[in-house]
Every structure is written in C-alpha cells, then in structure tokens.
C-alpha atoms as a PDB file:
ATOM      1  CA  UNK A   1       6.707  -7.616 -17.835  1.00  0.00           C
ATOM      2  CA  UNK A   2       5.309 -10.876 -15.979  1.00  0.00           C
ATOM      3  CA  UNK A   3       7.953 -13.407 -16.800  1.00  0.00           C
ATOM      4  CA  UNK A   4      10.007 -12.518 -13.915  1.00  0.00           C
ATOM      5  CA  UNK A   5       7.058 -13.531 -11.799  1.00  0.00           C
ATOM      6  CA  UNK A   6       6.844 -17.286 -13.154  1.00  0.00           C
ATOM      7  CA  UNK A   7       8.740 -18.737 -10.194  1.00  0.00           C
ATOM      8  CA  UNK A   8      12.298 -18.623 -11.053  1.00  0.00           C
ATOM      9  CA  UNK A   9      14.784 -18.805  -8.872  1.00  0.00           C
ATOM     10  CA  UNK A  10      15.315 -15.342  -7.496  1.00  0.00           C
ATOM     11  CA  UNK A  11      18.678 -13.547  -6.694  1.00  0.00           C
ATOM     12  CA  UNK A  12      19.511 -13.936  -3.340  1.00  0.00           C
ATOM     13  CA  UNK A  13      21.474 -10.638  -3.056  1.00  0.00           C
ATOM     14  CA  UNK A  14      19.262  -7.573  -1.711  1.00  0.00           C
ATOM     15  CA  UNK A  15      18.969  -5.000  -4.544  1.00  0.00           C
ATOM     16  CA  UNK A  16      21.564  -1.898  -4.333  1.00  0.00           C
ATOM     17  CA  UNK A  17      18.272   0.427  -5.006  1.00  0.00           C
ATOM     18  CA  UNK A  18      15.688  -0.051  -2.269  1.00  0.00           C
ATOM     19  CA  UNK A  19      12.415   1.815  -2.427  1.00  0.00           C
ATOM     20  CA  UNK A  20      11.667   3.735   0.562  1.00  0.00           C
ATOM     21  CA  UNK A  21       7.721   3.555   0.045  1.00  0.00           C
ATOM     22  CA  UNK A  22       6.307   0.268  -1.043  1.00  0.00           C
ATOM     23  CA  UNK A  23       2.309   0.361  -1.623  1.00  0.00           C
ATOM     24  CA  UNK A  24       0.236  -2.610  -2.238  1.00  0.00           C
ATOM     25  CA  UNK A  25      -3.059  -3.055  -3.497  1.00  0.00           C
ATOM     26  CA  UNK A  26      -4.070  -6.257  -1.874  1.00  0.00           C
ATOM     27  CA  UNK A  27      -6.319  -7.910  -5.030  1.00  0.00           C
ATOM     28  CA  UNK A  28      -7.340 -11.224  -5.718  1.00  0.00           C
ATOM     29  CA  UNK A  29      -8.697 -12.850  -2.595  1.00  0.00           C
ATOM     30  CA  UNK A  30     -12.274 -14.035  -3.449  1.00  0.00           C
ATOM     31  CA  UNK A  31     -10.611 -15.448  -6.567  1.00  0.00           C
ATOM     32  CA  UNK A  32      -7.860 -16.980  -4.871  1.00  0.00           C
ATOM     33  CA  UNK A  33     -10.658 -18.763  -2.739  1.00  0.00           C
ATOM     34  CA  UNK A  34     -12.880 -19.448  -5.600  1.00  0.00           C
ATOM     35  CA  UNK A  35     -10.180 -21.424  -7.585  1.00  0.00           C
ATOM     36  CA  UNK A  36      -9.539 -23.732  -4.703  1.00  0.00           C
ATOM     37  CA  UNK A  37     -13.351 -24.603  -4.256  1.00  0.00           C
ATOM     38  CA  UNK A  38     -13.480 -22.610  -0.836  1.00  0.00           C
ATOM     39  CA  UNK A  39     -16.211 -19.766   0.176  1.00  0.00           C
ATOM     40  CA  UNK A  40     -15.173 -16.525  -1.601  1.00  0.00           C
ATOM     41  CA  UNK A  41     -14.746 -15.017   1.902  1.00  0.00           C
ATOM     42  CA  UNK A  42     -12.162 -17.438   3.211  1.00  0.00           C
ATOM     43  CA  UNK A  43      -9.835 -15.591   0.511  1.00  0.00           C
ATOM     44  CA  UNK A  44      -9.857 -12.586   2.777  1.00  0.00           C
ATOM     45  CA  UNK A  45      -9.113 -14.517   5.780  1.00  0.00           C
ATOM     46  CA  UNK A  46      -5.714 -16.070   3.918  1.00  0.00           C
ATOM     47  CA  UNK A  47      -5.219 -12.310   2.514  1.00  0.00           C
ATOM     48  CA  UNK A  48      -4.048 -11.277   6.016  1.00  0.00           C
ATOM     49  CA  UNK A  49      -2.095 -14.359   6.875  1.00  0.00           C
ATOM     50  CA  UNK A  50       1.503 -13.705   6.985  1.00  0.00           C
ATOM     51  CA  UNK A  51       0.780  -9.959   6.861  1.00  0.00           C
ATOM     52  CA  UNK A  52       3.232  -9.430   9.628  1.00  0.00           C
ATOM     53  CA  UNK A  53       5.802 -11.180   8.154  1.00  0.00           C
ATOM     54  CA  UNK A  54       5.699  -9.274   4.785  1.00  0.00           C
ATOM     55  CA  UNK A  55       6.013  -6.032   6.669  1.00  0.00           C
ATOM     56  CA  UNK A  56       8.834  -7.268   8.895  1.00  0.00           C
ATOM     57  CA  UNK A  57      10.675  -8.717   5.531  1.00  0.00           C
ATOM     58  CA  UNK A  58      10.480  -5.458   3.729  1.00  0.00           C
ATOM     59  CA  UNK A  59      11.501  -3.272   6.608  1.00  0.00           C
ATOM     60  CA  UNK A  60      14.532  -5.470   7.289  1.00  0.00           C
ATOM     61  CA  UNK A  61      15.511  -4.629   3.634  1.00  0.00           C
ATOM     62  CA  UNK A  62      15.589  -0.714   4.432  1.00  0.00           C
ATOM     63  CA  UNK A  63      11.962   0.188   3.146  1.00  0.00           C
ATOM     64  CA  UNK A  64      10.677   2.689   5.669  1.00  0.00           C
ATOM     65  CA  UNK A  65       6.900   2.562   4.810  1.00  0.00           C
ATOM     66  CA  UNK A  66       4.614  -0.077   3.383  1.00  0.00           C
ATOM     67  CA  UNK A  67       1.033   0.965   2.800  1.00  0.00           C
ATOM     68  CA  UNK A  68      -1.950  -1.419   1.778  1.00  0.00           C
ATOM     69  CA  UNK A  69      -5.278  -0.741  -0.043  1.00  0.00           C
ATOM     70  CA  UNK A  70      -7.506  -2.902   2.220  1.00  0.00           C
ATOM     71  CA  UNK A  71     -11.149  -1.482   1.571  1.00  0.00           C
ATOM     72  CA  UNK A  72     -11.846   1.380  -0.794  1.00  0.00           C
ATOM     73  CA  UNK A  73     -14.971   3.791  -0.397  1.00  0.00           C
ATOM     74  CA  UNK A  74     -16.436   1.883  -3.704  1.00  0.00           C
ATOM     75  CA  UNK A  75     -16.040  -1.478  -1.694  1.00  0.00           C
ATOM     76  CA  UNK A  76     -19.434  -0.594   0.398  1.00  0.00           C
ATOM     77  CA  UNK A  77     -21.423  -1.839  -2.658  1.00  0.00           C
ATOM     78  CA  UNK A  78     -20.214  -5.231  -1.709  1.00  0.00           C
ATOM     79  CA  UNK A  79     -22.914  -7.442  -0.055  1.00  0.00           C
ATOM     80  CA  UNK A  80     -23.949  -6.921   3.365  1.00  0.00           C
ATOM     81  CA  UNK A  81     -22.675 -10.233   4.379  1.00  0.00           C
ATOM     82  CA  UNK A  82     -19.143  -9.703   3.070  1.00  0.00           C
ATOM     83  CA  UNK A  83     -18.633  -5.872   4.352  1.00  0.00           C
ATOM     84  CA  UNK A  84     -19.635  -7.352   7.943  1.00  0.00           C
ATOM     85  CA  UNK A  85     -17.338  -9.997   7.573  1.00  0.00           C
ATOM     86  CA  UNK A  86     -14.764  -7.623   6.500  1.00  0.00           C
ATOM     87  CA  UNK A  87     -15.084  -5.333   9.393  1.00  0.00           C
ATOM     88  CA  UNK A  88     -15.025  -7.931  11.669  1.00  0.00           C
ATOM     89  CA  UNK A  89     -11.709  -9.137  10.368  1.00  0.00           C
ATOM     90  CA  UNK A  90     -10.345  -5.697  10.021  1.00  0.00           C
ATOM     91  CA  UNK A  91     -11.084  -5.617  13.963  1.00  0.00           C
ATOM     92  CA  UNK A  92      -9.475  -8.608  14.639  1.00  0.00           C
ATOM     93  CA  UNK A  93      -6.504  -7.883  12.585  1.00  0.00           C
ATOM     94  CA  UNK A  94      -5.943  -4.191  13.593  1.00  0.00           C
ATOM     95  CA  UNK A  95      -6.019  -5.576  17.228  1.00  0.00           C
ATOM     96  CA  UNK A  96      -2.894  -7.800  16.315  1.00  0.00           C
ATOM     97  CA  UNK A  97      -1.306  -4.882  14.667  1.00  0.00           C
ATOM     98  CA  UNK A  98      -1.323  -3.097  17.918  1.00  0.00           C
ATOM     99  CA  UNK A  99       0.741  -5.658  19.635  1.00  0.00           C
ATOM    100  CA  UNK A 100       3.056  -5.965  16.453  1.00  0.00           C
ATOM    101  CA  UNK A 101       3.656  -2.157  16.588  1.00  0.00           C
ATOM    102  CA  UNK A 102       4.705  -2.361  20.042  1.00  0.00           C
ATOM    103  CA  UNK A 103       6.881  -5.241  19.682  1.00  0.00           C
ATOM    104  CA  UNK A 104       8.841  -3.866  16.488  1.00  0.00           C
ATOM    105  CA  UNK A 105       8.721  -0.085  17.155  1.00  0.00           C
ATOM    106  CA  UNK A 106       6.286   0.510  14.048  1.00  0.00           C
ATOM    107  CA  UNK A 107       4.096   3.422  13.783  1.00  0.00           C
ATOM    108  CA  UNK A 108       0.819   2.618  12.411  1.00  0.00           C
ATOM    109  CA  UNK A 109      -1.384   4.986  10.307  1.00  0.00           C
ATOM    110  CA  UNK A 110      -5.094   4.439   9.240  1.00  0.00           C
ATOM    111  CA  UNK A 111      -5.923   6.871   6.206  1.00  0.00           C
ATOM    112  CA  UNK A 112      -9.651   7.029   4.913  1.00  0.00           C
ATOM    113  CA  UNK A 113     -12.714   8.466   6.554  1.00  0.00           C
ATOM    114  CA  UNK A 114     -14.009   6.801   9.753  1.00  0.00           C
ATOM    115  CA  UNK A 115     -17.488   8.118   9.460  1.00  0.00           C
ATOM    116  CA  UNK A 116     -19.040   4.863   7.865  1.00  0.00           C
ATOM    117  CA  UNK A 117     -16.670   2.301   9.964  1.00  0.00           C
ATOM    118  CA  UNK A 118     -18.662   0.605  13.090  1.00  0.00           C
ATOM    119  CA  UNK A 119     -17.587   2.624  16.143  1.00  0.00           C
ATOM    120  CA  UNK A 120     -15.637  -0.142  17.900  1.00  0.00           C
ATOM    121  CA  UNK A 121     -13.473  -0.303  14.774  1.00  0.00           C
ATOM    122  CA  UNK A 122     -13.091   3.465  14.396  1.00  0.00           C
ATOM    123  CA  UNK A 123     -12.044   3.695  17.992  1.00  0.00           C
ATOM    124  CA  UNK A 124      -9.347   0.885  17.391  1.00  0.00           C
ATOM    125  CA  UNK A 125      -8.011   2.784  14.753  1.00  0.00           C
ATOM    126  CA  UNK A 126      -7.594   5.909  16.852  1.00  0.00           C
ATOM    127  CA  UNK A 127      -6.190   3.431  19.501  1.00  0.00           C
ATOM    128  CA  UNK A 128      -3.568   1.985  17.224  1.00  0.00           C
ATOM    129  CA  UNK A 129      -2.125   5.368  15.898  1.00  0.00           C
ATOM    130  CA  UNK A 130      -2.263   6.951  19.339  1.00  0.00           C
ATOM    131  CA  UNK A 131      -0.166   4.181  20.713  1.00  0.00           C
ATOM    132  CA  UNK A 132       2.257   3.990  18.322  1.00  0.00           C
ATOM    133  CA  UNK A 133       2.700   7.180  17.334  1.00  0.00           C
ATOM    134  CA  UNK A 134       6.289   7.755  18.861  1.00  0.00           C
ATOM    135  CA  UNK A 135       7.425   4.500  17.050  1.00  0.00           C
ATOM    136  CA  UNK A 136      10.600   5.047  14.781  1.00  0.00           C
ATOM    137  CA  UNK A 137      11.144   1.850  13.361  1.00  0.00           C
ATOM    138  CA  UNK A 138       9.258   2.313  10.128  1.00  0.00           C
ATOM    139  CA  UNK A 139       5.586   3.277   8.927  1.00  0.00           C
ATOM    140  CA  UNK A 140       2.891   0.843   8.284  1.00  0.00           C
ATOM    141  CA  UNK A 141      -0.314   2.367   6.357  1.00  0.00           C
ATOM    142  CA  UNK A 142      -3.551   0.993   6.337  1.00  0.00           C
ATOM    143  CA  UNK A 143      -5.883   2.462   3.589  1.00  0.00           C
ATOM    144  CA  UNK A 144      -9.260   1.813   5.158  1.00  0.00           C
ATOM    145  CA  UNK A 145     -12.760   3.262   3.556  1.00  0.00           C
ATOM    146  CA  UNK A 146     -10.071   5.115   1.448  1.00  0.00           C
ATOM    147  CA  UNK A 147     -10.516   7.017  -1.772  1.00  0.00           C
ATOM    148  CA  UNK A 148      -8.015   8.999  -3.453  1.00  0.00           C
ATOM    149  CA  UNK A 149     -10.084  11.263  -5.127  1.00  0.00           C
ATOM    150  CA  UNK A 150     -11.886  11.713  -1.823  1.00  0.00           C
ATOM    151  CA  UNK A 151      -8.807  12.565   0.019  1.00  0.00           C
ATOM    152  CA  UNK A 152      -7.807  15.311  -2.440  1.00  0.00           C
ATOM    153  CA  UNK A 153     -11.292  16.899  -2.423  1.00  0.00           C
ATOM    154  CA  UNK A 154     -11.302  16.792   1.347  1.00  0.00           C
ATOM    155  CA  UNK A 155      -7.678  18.556   1.118  1.00  0.00           C
ATOM    156  CA  UNK A 156      -9.151  21.265  -1.374  1.00  0.00           C
ATOM    157  CA  UNK A 157     -12.018  22.226   1.137  1.00  0.00           C
ATOM    158  CA  UNK A 158      -9.473  22.460   3.836  1.00  0.00           C
ATOM    159  CA  UNK A 159      -7.410  24.869   2.283  1.00  0.00           C
ATOM    160  CA  UNK A 160     -10.487  27.056   1.016  1.00  0.00           C
ATOM    161  CA  UNK A 161     -11.900  27.010   4.275  1.00  0.00           C
ATOM    162  CA  UNK A 162      -8.227  28.309   5.773  1.00  0.00           C
ATOM    163  CA  UNK A 163      -8.306  31.032   3.219  1.00  0.00           C
ATOM    164  CA  UNK A 164      -4.569  30.678   2.125  1.00  0.00           C
ATOM    165  CA  UNK A 165      -3.062  30.123  -1.259  1.00  0.00           C
ATOM    166  CA  UNK A 166      -1.407  26.787  -1.584  1.00  0.00           C
ATOM    167  CA  UNK A 167       1.127  25.415  -3.424  1.00  0.00           C
ATOM    168  CA  UNK A 168       1.994  21.652  -4.088  1.00  0.00           C
ATOM    169  CA  UNK A 169       4.236  21.398  -0.829  1.00  0.00           C
ATOM    170  CA  UNK A 170       1.384  23.384   1.228  1.00  0.00           C
ATOM    171  CA  UNK A 171      -1.527  21.422  -0.355  1.00  0.00           C
ATOM    172  CA  UNK A 172       0.087  18.384   0.247  1.00  0.00           C
ATOM    173  CA  UNK A 173      -0.178  18.987   4.277  1.00  0.00           C
ATOM    174  CA  UNK A 174      -3.792  18.854   4.116  1.00  0.00           C
ATOM    175  CA  UNK A 175      -3.879  15.493   2.887  1.00  0.00           C
ATOM    176  CA  UNK A 176      -4.481  12.776   5.188  1.00  0.00           C
ATOM    177  CA  UNK A 177      -1.096  10.879   3.798  1.00  0.00           C
ATOM    178  CA  UNK A 178       0.460  14.221   3.556  1.00  0.00           C
ATOM    179  CA  UNK A 179       3.107  13.348   5.898  1.00  0.00           C
ATOM    180  CA  UNK A 180       3.961  10.016   4.036  1.00  0.00           C
ATOM    181  CA  UNK A 181       6.878  10.008   1.646  1.00  0.00           C
ATOM    182  CA  UNK A 182       5.928   9.662  -2.360  1.00  0.00           C
ATOM    183  CA  UNK A 183       5.404   6.042  -3.304  1.00  0.00           C
ATOM    184  CA  UNK A 184       8.355   4.577  -4.944  1.00  0.00           C
ATOM    185  CA  UNK A 185       7.074   1.255  -5.952  1.00  0.00           C
ATOM    186  CA  UNK A 186       3.460   0.146  -6.289  1.00  0.00           C
ATOM    187  CA  UNK A 187       2.541  -3.769  -6.442  1.00  0.00           C
ATOM    188  CA  UNK A 188      -0.863  -4.832  -7.605  1.00  0.00           C
ATOM    189  CA  UNK A 189      -1.574  -8.525  -7.446  1.00  0.00           C
ATOM    190  CA  UNK A 190      -4.162 -10.568  -9.526  1.00  0.00           C
ATOM    191  CA  UNK A 191      -3.400  -9.385 -13.245  1.00  0.00           C
ATOM    192  CA  UNK A 192      -5.193  -6.133 -12.622  1.00  0.00           C
ATOM    193  CA  UNK A 193      -3.454  -3.325 -14.262  1.00  0.00           C
ATOM    194  CA  UNK A 194      -5.132  -0.365 -12.327  1.00  0.00           C
ATOM    195  CA  UNK A 195      -4.340   1.971  -9.541  1.00  0.00           C
ATOM    196  CA  UNK A 196      -8.200   2.060  -8.518  1.00  0.00           C
ATOM    197  CA  UNK A 197      -8.190   5.839  -6.675  1.00  0.00           C
ATOM    198  CA  UNK A 198      -5.324   4.612  -4.620  1.00  0.00           C
ATOM    199  CA  UNK A 199      -3.068   7.582  -2.836  1.00  0.00           C
ATOM    200  CA  UNK A 200      -3.271   9.373  -6.260  1.00  0.00           C
ATOM    201  CA  UNK A 201      -1.088  12.317  -5.220  1.00  0.00           C
ATOM    202  CA  UNK A 202       1.533   9.896  -3.561  1.00  0.00           C
ATOM    203  CA  UNK A 203       1.518   7.847  -6.809  1.00  0.00           C
ATOM    204  CA  UNK A 204       2.616  10.738  -9.162  1.00  0.00           C
ATOM    205  CA  UNK A 205       6.304   9.053  -9.979  1.00  0.00           C
ATOM    206  CA  UNK A 206       5.758   5.767  -8.804  1.00  0.00           C
ATOM    207  CA  UNK A 207       7.148   2.689 -10.375  1.00  0.00           C
ATOM    208  CA  UNK A 208       3.877   0.367 -11.240  1.00  0.00           C
ATOM    209  CA  UNK A 209       4.402  -3.265 -11.096  1.00  0.00           C
ATOM    210  CA  UNK A 210       1.374  -5.586 -12.036  1.00  0.00           C
ATOM    211  CA  UNK A 211       1.638  -9.458 -11.255  1.00  0.00           C
ATOM    212  CA  UNK A 212      -0.331 -12.302 -11.793  1.00  0.00           C
ATOM    213  CA  UNK A 213      -0.425 -14.101  -8.592  1.00  0.00           C
ATOM    214  CA  UNK A 214      -3.630 -13.438  -6.345  1.00  0.00           C
ATOM    215  CA  UNK A 215      -2.726 -11.535  -2.904  1.00  0.00           C
ATOM    216  CA  UNK A 216      -2.940 -14.547  -0.760  1.00  0.00           C
ATOM    217  CA  UNK A 217      -0.380 -16.695  -2.428  1.00  0.00           C
ATOM    218  CA  UNK A 218       1.668 -13.384  -2.769  1.00  0.00           C
ATOM    219  CA  UNK A 219       1.612 -12.665   1.010  1.00  0.00           C
ATOM    220  CA  UNK A 220       3.288 -15.886   1.859  1.00  0.00           C
ATOM    221  CA  UNK A 221       6.070 -15.844  -0.720  1.00  0.00           C
ATOM    222  CA  UNK A 222       9.362 -14.405  -0.246  1.00  0.00           C
ATOM    223  CA  UNK A 223      10.632 -15.340  -3.445  1.00  0.00           C
ATOM    224  CA  UNK A 224       7.775 -12.959  -4.773  1.00  0.00           C
ATOM    225  CA  UNK A 225       8.552 -10.220  -2.395  1.00  0.00           C
ATOM    226  CA  UNK A 226      12.552 -10.382  -3.606  1.00  0.00           C
ATOM    227  CA  UNK A 227      11.427 -10.239  -6.860  1.00  0.00           C
ATOM    228  CA  UNK A 228       9.312  -6.872  -6.517  1.00  0.00           C
ATOM    229  CA  UNK A 229      12.468  -5.204  -5.239  1.00  0.00           C
ATOM    230  CA  UNK A 230      14.715  -6.839  -7.992  1.00  0.00           C
ATOM    231  CA  UNK A 231      12.330  -5.285 -10.586  1.00  0.00           C
ATOM    232  CA  UNK A 232      12.457  -2.077  -8.748  1.00  0.00           C
ATOM    233  CA  UNK A 233      16.374  -2.081  -8.696  1.00  0.00           C
ATOM    234  CA  UNK A 234      16.078  -2.479 -12.565  1.00  0.00           C
ATOM    235  CA  UNK A 235      14.111   0.442 -13.040  1.00  0.00           C
ATOM    236  CA  UNK A 236      15.560   3.903 -14.496  1.00  0.00           C
ATOM    237  CA  UNK A 237      13.872   6.586 -12.858  1.00  0.00           C
ATOM    238  CA  UNK A 238      14.475   9.783 -14.160  1.00  0.00           C
ATOM    239  CA  UNK A 239      11.318  11.852 -12.878  1.00  0.00           C
ATOM    240  CA  UNK A 240      10.637  13.378 -16.199  1.00  0.00           C
ATOM    241  CA  UNK A 241      14.430  14.115 -16.959  1.00  0.00           C
ATOM    242  CA  UNK A 242      16.684  12.601 -19.777  1.00  0.00           C
ATOM    243  CA  UNK A 243      19.744  10.998 -19.849  1.00  0.00           C
ATOM    244  CA  UNK A 244      23.025  12.610 -20.729  1.00  0.00           C
ATOM    245  CA  UNK A 245      22.727  12.604 -24.436  1.00  0.00           C
ATOM    246  CA  UNK A 246      21.382  15.321 -26.713  1.00  0.00           C
ATOM    247  CA  UNK A 247      17.971  14.573 -28.737  1.00  0.00           C
ATOM    248  CA  UNK A 248      20.236  14.361 -31.755  1.00  0.00           C
ATOM    249  CA  UNK A 249      21.639  10.981 -31.222  1.00  0.00           C
ATOM    250  CA  UNK A 250      24.989  12.318 -30.264  1.00  0.00           C
ATOM    251  CA  UNK A 251      26.406  10.853 -27.041  1.00  0.00           C
ATOM    252  CA  UNK A 252      27.248  13.572 -24.356  1.00  0.00           C
ATOM    253  CA  UNK A 253      30.439  14.814 -23.637  1.00  0.00           C
END
C-alpha cells in the first residue's frame, strides 16, 4: 500500500475521479523534529508551514471541502508546555486563516468544543466562522478540541432534549459537522493506521490512506498531494454494493 509514496514520479494528469471531501490526520510533527535533532515543538511549527498552499492546491483540483484534525479531546493529556505552545500556535494560524478566507472566498469551520480553549482563541474561532460564513469558494474545517464520540453523544442528548424521533438524516443535523459532506478520502501521515476518534459519522464510507511520511514533509510536497488523488482515483467505491456479476462466478448479461 505504501509503495506509491516512495518518491516516484507522479503522473501529471489530474485524476478523473476527484474526492469532494478530503480529511487529514496531521500526524508525526514531533517525530519529524526529533529525527532532525530539533526540539519536538518545532515540528508543530513546521507542520503549519505551507498549509494554505495545500488547501489552495486541492481546491484548484475540484475538492470542495478539506478537513484537518489539529487537536483532539485526548491531546489535553500532553505536557502543559506543549499544550500552551499549541494554543498560541493555533491563535497565530487562525489569524492568518482569516486573511486567507477573505482573499480566496473560502468558508472556514471550526468543529469541536470551545469550552476548554483560551478565551482569545475561542473568540477567534467565532470571528473566523462569522467573517467567512457566506463565502462560496470551498470549505476548510479545523477540528480543534474535537472528539468523534463526544460529537455523537452531544448530538444524541440534543435530539433527546428536543423530544423528537430521528432517522439517520435528521440525526446528522444535530452533529457539529452535520452540514459537511461525507468524507470521501481520509489521509493519515506518519505510518499510523488508526482513525483516532476523527469524524466518526462522516467517515462511514471513506477511503482510508495511511502513508509513511510525517506531516511536515507531506504538507510541503505537491508530489505527495497528487499521489493521494491518484490513489483515490484507483479505488473502486461500491458503498456496500456489488459489481454486475452474480456470486456463482457467472458474468452478468
């Protein structure tokens, strides 16, 4: 599965099949830094470099929504030094994102609970969403203090409070990520093969791609971005259905 990511020349042709929603688990920042003899926190700094170019590249090829898992509900267990560094980094980055949203007509969404975020950061999330709400050029989703199970539990409680029976479509409207399209392709870097509580409802039929490169390497490589689309285009998505042949091996007429 990983051979296509061994720095081989990628086809320049854009794949005919383009995912509408690509979601990224941005893993391996600290490992990237440590492998280069750098302080681990510098990996997080490297991980946001070129972020907006990555967004623009995928949007230019027909992707309408890109999502990034940047801080989970479990990440609070990291050291106080690292958490403080990340909160300050997110504040700096979201300030830049506001300019990016306005320049490129992009809508930004921040999913996850804001209760534990520093007030300045939580207010910035609100400002970013409000200022870009009417933009139509594509959607960028930042999962910040986010957990997929928490999102589902919160939606269940909201539905119960409303006292109405729900089907799958109605229940989805209670999710923080409810208005987002289903994830077509999920990419996780750094050789980790887990979904780690990310967008559980939206990932129901996603194609999963686990690659060996750490996120700071991936975020700067158009060659690797192209390979994600190449791999997606090669997948046969049947959503639980079968090909036009019966199960006795006879060809369908």
